[in-house]
Amino acid sequence: MTAVPRKRADARRNEQTLLDAAAAAFVTSGVDAPVRDIAFRAGVGVGTIYRHFPTRADLIVAVYRHQVEACAEAGPALLTDSATPHEALARWIDLFVDFLITKHGLPEALRSGDATFETLHAYFLDRLVPVCDTLLAAATTAGQVIPGVGAYQLLRAVGNLCIGAGSDDRYDPRRMTALLVAGLRAQ
């Protein structure tokens, strides 16, 4: 059995910088942001991006996975650091909303037929539903959330409230999700 070579620390930092720069570019310009703009934000040449991510789809998937991981890792930390489990849930849902409303162009990319995107939705569910479930269970056990709310149902509801974010200035998905989370409170 051969060992998988680990990336050097500077290569990992470069990749992290590229992911952060691409995520920022995707927020402002969508997933079709020019690679040269991403390279400029990261302070690297275009060739560096293609060395790490040979195709745009590879870059989009890497950014998406990186952000899913950050959201997943935040759940346990919020549960530990928040005053109550309900507060942890509310703060995590805020992070989830941030994640969803900054994905300009991602839904279209996911429906593009590119095989690179096929497993992305399942990955998203596999990582985030258990985190949401843990937060819901803690809040329910503490008597702060009504019982019987499923994690998948809640994430789906939040996702539906975030559809069209940014396309209508009169609509605030953050306000609507805050109302949803407030409505989960046990009386």
C-alpha atoms as a PDB file:
ATOM      1  CA  MET A   1       0.000   0.000   0.000  1.00  0.00           C
ATOM      2  CA  THR A   2       1.446   3.373  -0.996  1.00  0.00           C
ATOM      3  CA  ALA A   3       1.007   6.428   1.169  1.00  0.00           C
ATOM      4  CA  VAL A   4      -0.848   9.390  -0.254  1.00  0.00           C
ATOM      5  CA  PRO A   5       1.564  12.312  -0.327  1.00  0.00           C
ATOM      6  CA  ARG A   6       0.541  15.234   1.887  1.00  0.00           C
ATOM      7  CA  LYS A   7       0.606  18.718   0.483  1.00  0.00           C
ATOM      8  CA  ARG A   8       3.282  21.027   1.808  1.00  0.00           C
ATOM      9  CA  ALA A   9       2.092  23.651   4.294  1.00  0.00           C
ATOM     10  CA  ASP A  10       2.593  26.461   1.777  1.00  0.00           C
ATOM     11  CA  ALA A  11       0.612  24.557  -0.858  1.00  0.00           C
ATOM     12  CA  ARG A  12      -2.245  24.099   1.657  1.00  0.00           C
ATOM     13  CA  ARG A  13      -2.124  27.829   2.481  1.00  0.00           C
ATOM     14  CA  ASN A  14      -2.179  28.690  -1.251  1.00  0.00           C
ATOM     15  CA  GLU A  15      -5.159  26.437  -1.757  1.00  0.00           C
ATOM     16  CA  GLN A  16      -6.946  28.005   1.238  1.00  0.00           C
ATOM     17  CA  THR A  17      -6.231  31.483  -0.122  1.00  0.00           C
ATOM     18  CA  LEU A  18      -7.556  30.456  -3.541  1.00  0.00           C
ATOM     19  CA  LEU A  19     -10.741  29.000  -2.023  1.00  0.00           C
ATOM     20  CA  ASP A  20     -11.360  32.154   0.007  1.00  0.00           C
ATOM     21  CA  ALA A  21     -10.718  34.379  -3.008  1.00  0.00           C
ATOM     22  CA  ALA A  22     -12.976  32.273  -5.226  1.00  0.00           C
ATOM     23  CA  ALA A  23     -15.736  32.292  -2.601  1.00  0.00           C
ATOM     24  CA  ALA A  24     -15.542  36.095  -2.390  1.00  0.00           C
ATOM     25  CA  ALA A  25     -15.614  36.387  -6.186  1.00  0.00           C
ATOM     26  CA  PHE A  26     -18.588  34.024  -6.378  1.00  0.00           C
ATOM     27  CA  VAL A  27     -20.500  36.229  -3.926  1.00  0.00           C
ATOM     28  CA  THR A  28     -20.040  39.333  -6.042  1.00  0.00           C
ATOM     29  CA  SER A  29     -19.951  37.877  -9.562  1.00  0.00           C
ATOM     30  CA  GLY A  30     -21.393  34.379  -9.342  1.00  0.00           C
ATOM     31  CA  VAL A  31     -19.706  31.089 -10.146  1.00  0.00           C
ATOM     32  CA  ASP A  32     -18.813  32.388 -13.601  1.00  0.00           C
ATOM     33  CA  ALA A  33     -16.434  34.990 -12.125  1.00  0.00           C
ATOM     34  CA  PRO A  34     -13.371  35.336 -14.348  1.00  0.00           C
ATOM     35  CA  VAL A  35     -10.427  33.222 -13.207  1.00  0.00           C
ATOM     36  CA  ARG A  36      -8.131  36.234 -13.597  1.00  0.00           C
ATOM     37  CA  ASP A  37     -10.271  38.108 -11.004  1.00  0.00           C
ATOM     38  CA  ILE A  38      -9.984  35.191  -8.588  1.00  0.00           C
ATOM     39  CA  ALA A  39      -6.220  35.023  -9.165  1.00  0.00           C
ATOM     40  CA  PHE A  40      -5.919  38.764  -8.531  1.00  0.00           C
ATOM     41  CA  ARG A  41      -7.894  38.494  -5.269  1.00  0.00           C
ATOM     42  CA  ALA A  42      -5.670  35.607  -4.162  1.00  0.00           C
ATOM     43  CA  GLY A  43      -2.470  37.365  -5.184  1.00  0.00           C
ATOM     44  CA  VAL A  44      -1.413  34.520  -7.480  1.00  0.00           C
ATOM     45  CA  GLY A  45      -1.124  33.867 -11.186  1.00  0.00           C
ATOM     46  CA  VAL A  46      -3.889  32.221 -13.191  1.00  0.00           C
ATOM     47  CA  GLY A  47      -1.632  29.176 -13.672  1.00  0.00           C
ATOM     48  CA  THR A  48      -1.606  28.596  -9.916  1.00  0.00           C
ATOM     49  CA  ILE A  49      -5.383  28.297  -9.907  1.00  0.00           C
ATOM     50  CA  TYR A  50      -5.312  25.762 -12.737  1.00  0.00           C
ATOM     51  CA  ARG A  51      -2.584  23.757 -10.982  1.00  0.00           C
ATOM     52  CA  HIS A  52      -4.860  23.364  -7.966  1.00  0.00           C
ATOM     53  CA  PHE A  53      -8.174  23.216  -9.864  1.00  0.00           C
ATOM     54  CA  PRO A  54      -7.840  22.083 -13.498  1.00  0.00           C
ATOM     55  CA  THR A  55     -11.430  23.051 -14.382  1.00  0.00           C
ATOM     56  CA  ARG A  56     -13.923  25.662 -13.238  1.00  0.00           C
ATOM     57  CA  ALA A  57     -16.139  22.833 -12.011  1.00  0.00           C
ATOM     58  CA  ASP A  58     -13.275  21.582  -9.818  1.00  0.00           C
ATOM     59  CA  LEU A  59     -12.921  25.054  -8.318  1.00  0.00           C
ATOM     60  CA  ILE A  60     -16.663  25.446  -7.708  1.00  0.00           C
ATOM     61  CA  VAL A  61     -16.877  22.038  -6.050  1.00  0.00           C
ATOM     62  CA  ALA A  62     -13.835  22.768  -3.862  1.00  0.00           C
ATOM     63  CA  VAL A  63     -15.266  26.123  -2.718  1.00  0.00           C
ATOM     64  CA  TYR A  64     -18.649  24.565  -2.036  1.00  0.00           C
ATOM     65  CA  ARG A  65     -17.149  21.645  -0.078  1.00  0.00           C
ATOM     66  CA  HIS A  66     -14.898  24.003   1.874  1.00  0.00           C
ATOM     67  CA  GLN A  67     -17.897  26.104   2.890  1.00  0.00           C
ATOM     68  CA  VAL A  68     -20.004  23.049   3.751  1.00  0.00           C
ATOM     69  CA  GLU A  69     -17.187  21.859   6.012  1.00  0.00           C
ATOM     70  CA  ALA A  70     -16.958  25.247   7.719  1.00  0.00           C
ATOM     71  CA  CYS A  71     -20.704  25.222   8.342  1.00  0.00           C
ATOM     72  CA  ALA A  72     -20.603  21.634   9.619  1.00  0.00           C
ATOM     73  CA  GLU A  73     -17.687  22.344  11.953  1.00  0.00           C
ATOM     74  CA  ALA A  74     -19.414  25.438  13.352  1.00  0.00           C
ATOM     75  CA  GLY A  75     -22.340  23.439  14.792  1.00  0.00           C
ATOM     76  CA  PRO A  76     -20.540  21.710  17.678  1.00  0.00           C
ATOM     77  CA  ALA A  77     -18.543  24.868  18.451  1.00  0.00           C
ATOM     78  CA  LEU A  78     -21.723  26.956  18.639  1.00  0.00           C
ATOM     79  CA  LEU A  79     -23.365  24.387  20.884  1.00  0.00           C
ATOM     80  CA  THR A  80     -20.423  24.663  23.267  1.00  0.00           C
ATOM     81  CA  ASP A  81     -20.060  28.466  23.085  1.00  0.00           C
ATOM     82  CA  SER A  82     -23.706  29.595  23.106  1.00  0.00           C
ATOM     83  CA  ALA A  83     -25.740  30.396  26.195  1.00  0.00           C
ATOM     84  CA  THR A  84     -28.509  27.979  25.186  1.00  0.00           C
ATOM     85  CA  PRO A  85     -29.026  25.238  22.604  1.00  0.00           C
ATOM     86  CA  HIS A  86     -31.730  27.376  20.934  1.00  0.00           C
ATOM     87  CA  GLU A  87     -29.246  30.216  20.586  1.00  0.00           C
ATOM     88  CA  ALA A  88     -26.720  27.781  19.067  1.00  0.00           C
ATOM     89  CA  LEU A  89     -29.353  26.580  16.608  1.00  0.00           C
ATOM     90  CA  ALA A  90     -30.313  30.153  15.672  1.00  0.00           C
ATOM     91  CA  ARG A  91     -26.683  31.164  15.169  1.00  0.00           C
ATOM     92  CA  TRP A  92     -26.012  28.060  13.077  1.00  0.00           C
ATOM     93  CA  ILE A  93     -29.080  28.727  10.926  1.00  0.00           C
ATOM     94  CA  ASP A  94     -27.689  32.257  10.356  1.00  0.00           C
ATOM     95  CA  LEU A  95     -24.460  30.681   9.067  1.00  0.00           C
ATOM     96  CA  PHE A  96     -26.473  28.328   6.888  1.00  0.00           C
ATOM     97  CA  VAL A  97     -28.408  31.283   5.460  1.00  0.00           C
ATOM     98  CA  ASP A  98     -25.113  33.061   4.702  1.00  0.00           C
ATOM     99  CA  PHE A  99     -23.966  29.916   2.955  1.00  0.00           C
ATOM    100  CA  LEU A 100     -27.137  29.676   0.859  1.00  0.00           C
ATOM    101  CA  ILE A 101     -27.604  33.285  -0.184  1.00  0.00           C
ATOM    102  CA  THR A 102     -24.055  33.696  -1.440  1.00  0.00           C
ATOM    103  CA  LYS A 103     -24.290  30.893  -4.011  1.00  0.00           C
ATOM    104  CA  HIS A 104     -24.996  33.028  -7.077  1.00  0.00           C
ATOM    105  CA  GLY A 105     -25.116  30.769 -10.110  1.00  0.00           C
ATOM    106  CA  LEU A 106     -24.586  27.521  -8.194  1.00  0.00           C
ATOM    107  CA  PRO A 107     -28.105  26.134  -8.782  1.00  0.00           C
ATOM    108  CA  GLU A 108     -27.602  26.511 -12.531  1.00  0.00           C
ATOM    109  CA  ALA A 109     -24.175  24.880 -12.328  1.00  0.00           C
ATOM    110  CA  LEU A 110     -25.632  21.967 -10.362  1.00  0.00           C
ATOM    111  CA  ARG A 111     -28.215  21.431 -13.112  1.00  0.00           C
ATOM    112  CA  SER A 112     -25.627  21.748 -15.894  1.00  0.00           C
ATOM    113  CA  GLY A 113     -25.167  18.011 -16.339  1.00  0.00           C
ATOM    114  CA  ASP A 114     -21.460  18.253 -15.477  1.00  0.00           C
ATOM    115  CA  ALA A 115     -20.556  14.982 -13.749  1.00  0.00           C
ATOM    116  CA  THR A 116     -18.329  16.898 -11.313  1.00  0.00           C
ATOM    117  CA  PHE A 117     -21.453  18.282  -9.618  1.00  0.00           C
ATOM    118  CA  GLU A 118     -23.417  15.029  -9.319  1.00  0.00           C
ATOM    119  CA  THR A 119     -22.426  14.147  -5.761  1.00  0.00           C
ATOM    120  CA  LEU A 120     -22.413  17.682  -4.383  1.00  0.00           C
ATOM    121  CA  HIS A 121     -26.001  17.774  -3.135  1.00  0.00           C
ATOM    122  CA  ALA A 122     -25.670  14.402  -1.395  1.00  0.00           C
ATOM    123  CA  TYR A 123     -22.433  15.616   0.215  1.00  0.00           C
ATOM    124  CA  PHE A 124     -24.219  18.734   1.424  1.00  0.00           C
ATOM    125  CA  LEU A 125     -27.006  16.667   3.006  1.00  0.00           C
ATOM    126  CA  ASP A 126     -24.620  14.071   4.473  1.00  0.00           C
ATOM    127  CA  ARG A 127     -22.595  16.774   6.240  1.00  0.00           C
ATOM    128  CA  LEU A 128     -25.221  19.322   7.299  1.00  0.00           C
ATOM    129  CA  VAL A 129     -28.336  17.324   8.195  1.00  0.00           C
ATOM    130  CA  PRO A 130     -26.587  15.513  11.100  1.00  0.00           C
ATOM    131  CA  VAL A 131     -25.236  18.824  12.450  1.00  0.00           C
ATOM    132  CA  CYS A 132     -28.678  20.404  12.331  1.00  0.00           C
ATOM    133  CA  ASP A 133     -30.131  17.266  13.922  1.00  0.00           C
ATOM    134  CA  THR A 134     -27.667  17.498  16.823  1.00  0.00           C
ATOM    135  CA  LEU A 135     -28.535  21.152  17.405  1.00  0.00           C
ATOM    136  CA  LEU A 136     -32.278  20.462  17.204  1.00  0.00           C
ATOM    137  CA  ALA A 137     -31.992  17.489  19.570  1.00  0.00           C
ATOM    138  CA  ALA A 138     -30.079  19.563  22.134  1.00  0.00           C
ATOM    139  CA  ALA A 139     -32.633  22.366  21.967  1.00  0.00           C
ATOM    140  CA  THR A 140     -35.532  19.894  22.163  1.00  0.00           C
ATOM    141  CA  THR A 141     -33.988  18.051  25.125  1.00  0.00           C
ATOM    142  CA  ALA A 142     -33.533  21.405  26.878  1.00  0.00           C
ATOM    143  CA  GLY A 143     -37.231  22.124  26.327  1.00  0.00           C
ATOM    144  CA  GLN A 144     -36.443  25.109  24.102  1.00  0.00           C
ATOM    145  CA  VAL A 145     -37.760  23.779  20.784  1.00  0.00           C
ATOM    146  CA  ILE A 146     -41.015  22.021  20.045  1.00  0.00           C
ATOM    147  CA  PRO A 147     -40.514  18.291  19.505  1.00  0.00           C
ATOM    148  CA  GLY A 148     -40.993  16.604  16.168  1.00  0.00           C
ATOM    149  CA  VAL A 149     -39.120  19.026  13.915  1.00  0.00           C
ATOM    150  CA  GLY A 150     -36.826  17.121  11.577  1.00  0.00           C
ATOM    151  CA  ALA A 151     -33.430  18.473  10.561  1.00  0.00           C
ATOM    152  CA  TYR A 152     -34.037  17.830   6.862  1.00  0.00           C
ATOM    153  CA  GLN A 153     -37.420  19.583   7.084  1.00  0.00           C
ATOM    154  CA  LEU A 154     -35.872  22.602   8.775  1.00  0.00           C
ATOM    155  CA  LEU A 155     -33.001  22.865   6.300  1.00  0.00           C
ATOM    156  CA  ARG A 156     -35.417  22.525   3.409  1.00  0.00           C
ATOM    157  CA  ALA A 157     -37.651  25.261   4.865  1.00  0.00           C
ATOM    158  CA  VAL A 158     -34.675  27.565   5.327  1.00  0.00           C
ATOM    159  CA  GLY A 159     -33.524  26.803   1.788  1.00  0.00           C
ATOM    160  CA  ASN A 160     -36.948  27.639   0.416  1.00  0.00           C
ATOM    161  CA  LEU A 161     -36.943  30.930   2.325  1.00  0.00           C
ATOM    162  CA  CYS A 162     -33.582  31.790   0.743  1.00  0.00           C
ATOM    163  CA  ILE A 163     -34.657  31.208  -2.854  1.00  0.00           C
ATOM    164  CA  GLY A 164     -34.387  34.418  -4.795  1.00  0.00           C
ATOM    165  CA  ALA A 165     -32.283  36.197  -2.178  1.00  0.00           C
ATOM    166  CA  GLY A 166     -30.761  39.275  -3.739  1.00  0.00           C
ATOM    167  CA  SER A 167     -33.214  39.403  -6.621  1.00  0.00           C
ATOM    168  CA  ASP A 168     -35.784  41.526  -4.761  1.00  0.00           C
ATOM    169  CA  ASP A 169     -34.727  44.269  -2.343  1.00  0.00           C
ATOM    170  CA  ARG A 170     -38.104  44.042  -0.605  1.00  0.00           C
ATOM    171  CA  TYR A 171     -37.414  40.486   0.551  1.00  0.00           C
ATOM    172  CA  ASP A 172     -35.114  39.668   3.463  1.00  0.00           C
ATOM    173  CA  PRO A 173     -34.434  35.932   3.851  1.00  0.00           C
ATOM    174  CA  ARG A 174     -32.582  36.569   7.109  1.00  0.00           C
ATOM    175  CA  ARG A 175     -35.687  38.113   8.652  1.00  0.00           C
ATOM    176  CA  MET A 176     -37.875  35.256   7.449  1.00  0.00           C
ATOM    177  CA  THR A 177     -35.532  32.553   8.744  1.00  0.00           C
ATOM    178  CA  ALA A 178     -35.264  34.370  12.096  1.00  0.00           C
ATOM    179  CA  LEU A 179     -39.060  34.230  12.317  1.00  0.00           C
ATOM    180  CA  LEU A 180     -38.983  30.526  11.453  1.00  0.00           C
ATOM    181  CA  VAL A 181     -36.405  29.774  14.159  1.00  0.00           C
ATOM    182  CA  ALA A 182     -38.331  31.902  16.686  1.00  0.00           C
ATOM    183  CA  GLY A 183     -41.429  29.884  15.807  1.00  0.00           C
ATOM    184  CA  LEU A 184     -39.652  26.676  16.820  1.00  0.00           C
ATOM    185  CA  ARG A 185     -39.523  27.796  20.456  1.00  0.00           C
ATOM    186  CA  ALA A 186     -41.401  25.662  22.940  1.00  0.00           C
ATOM    187  CA  GLN A 187     -44.003  27.642  24.878  1.00  0.00           C
END
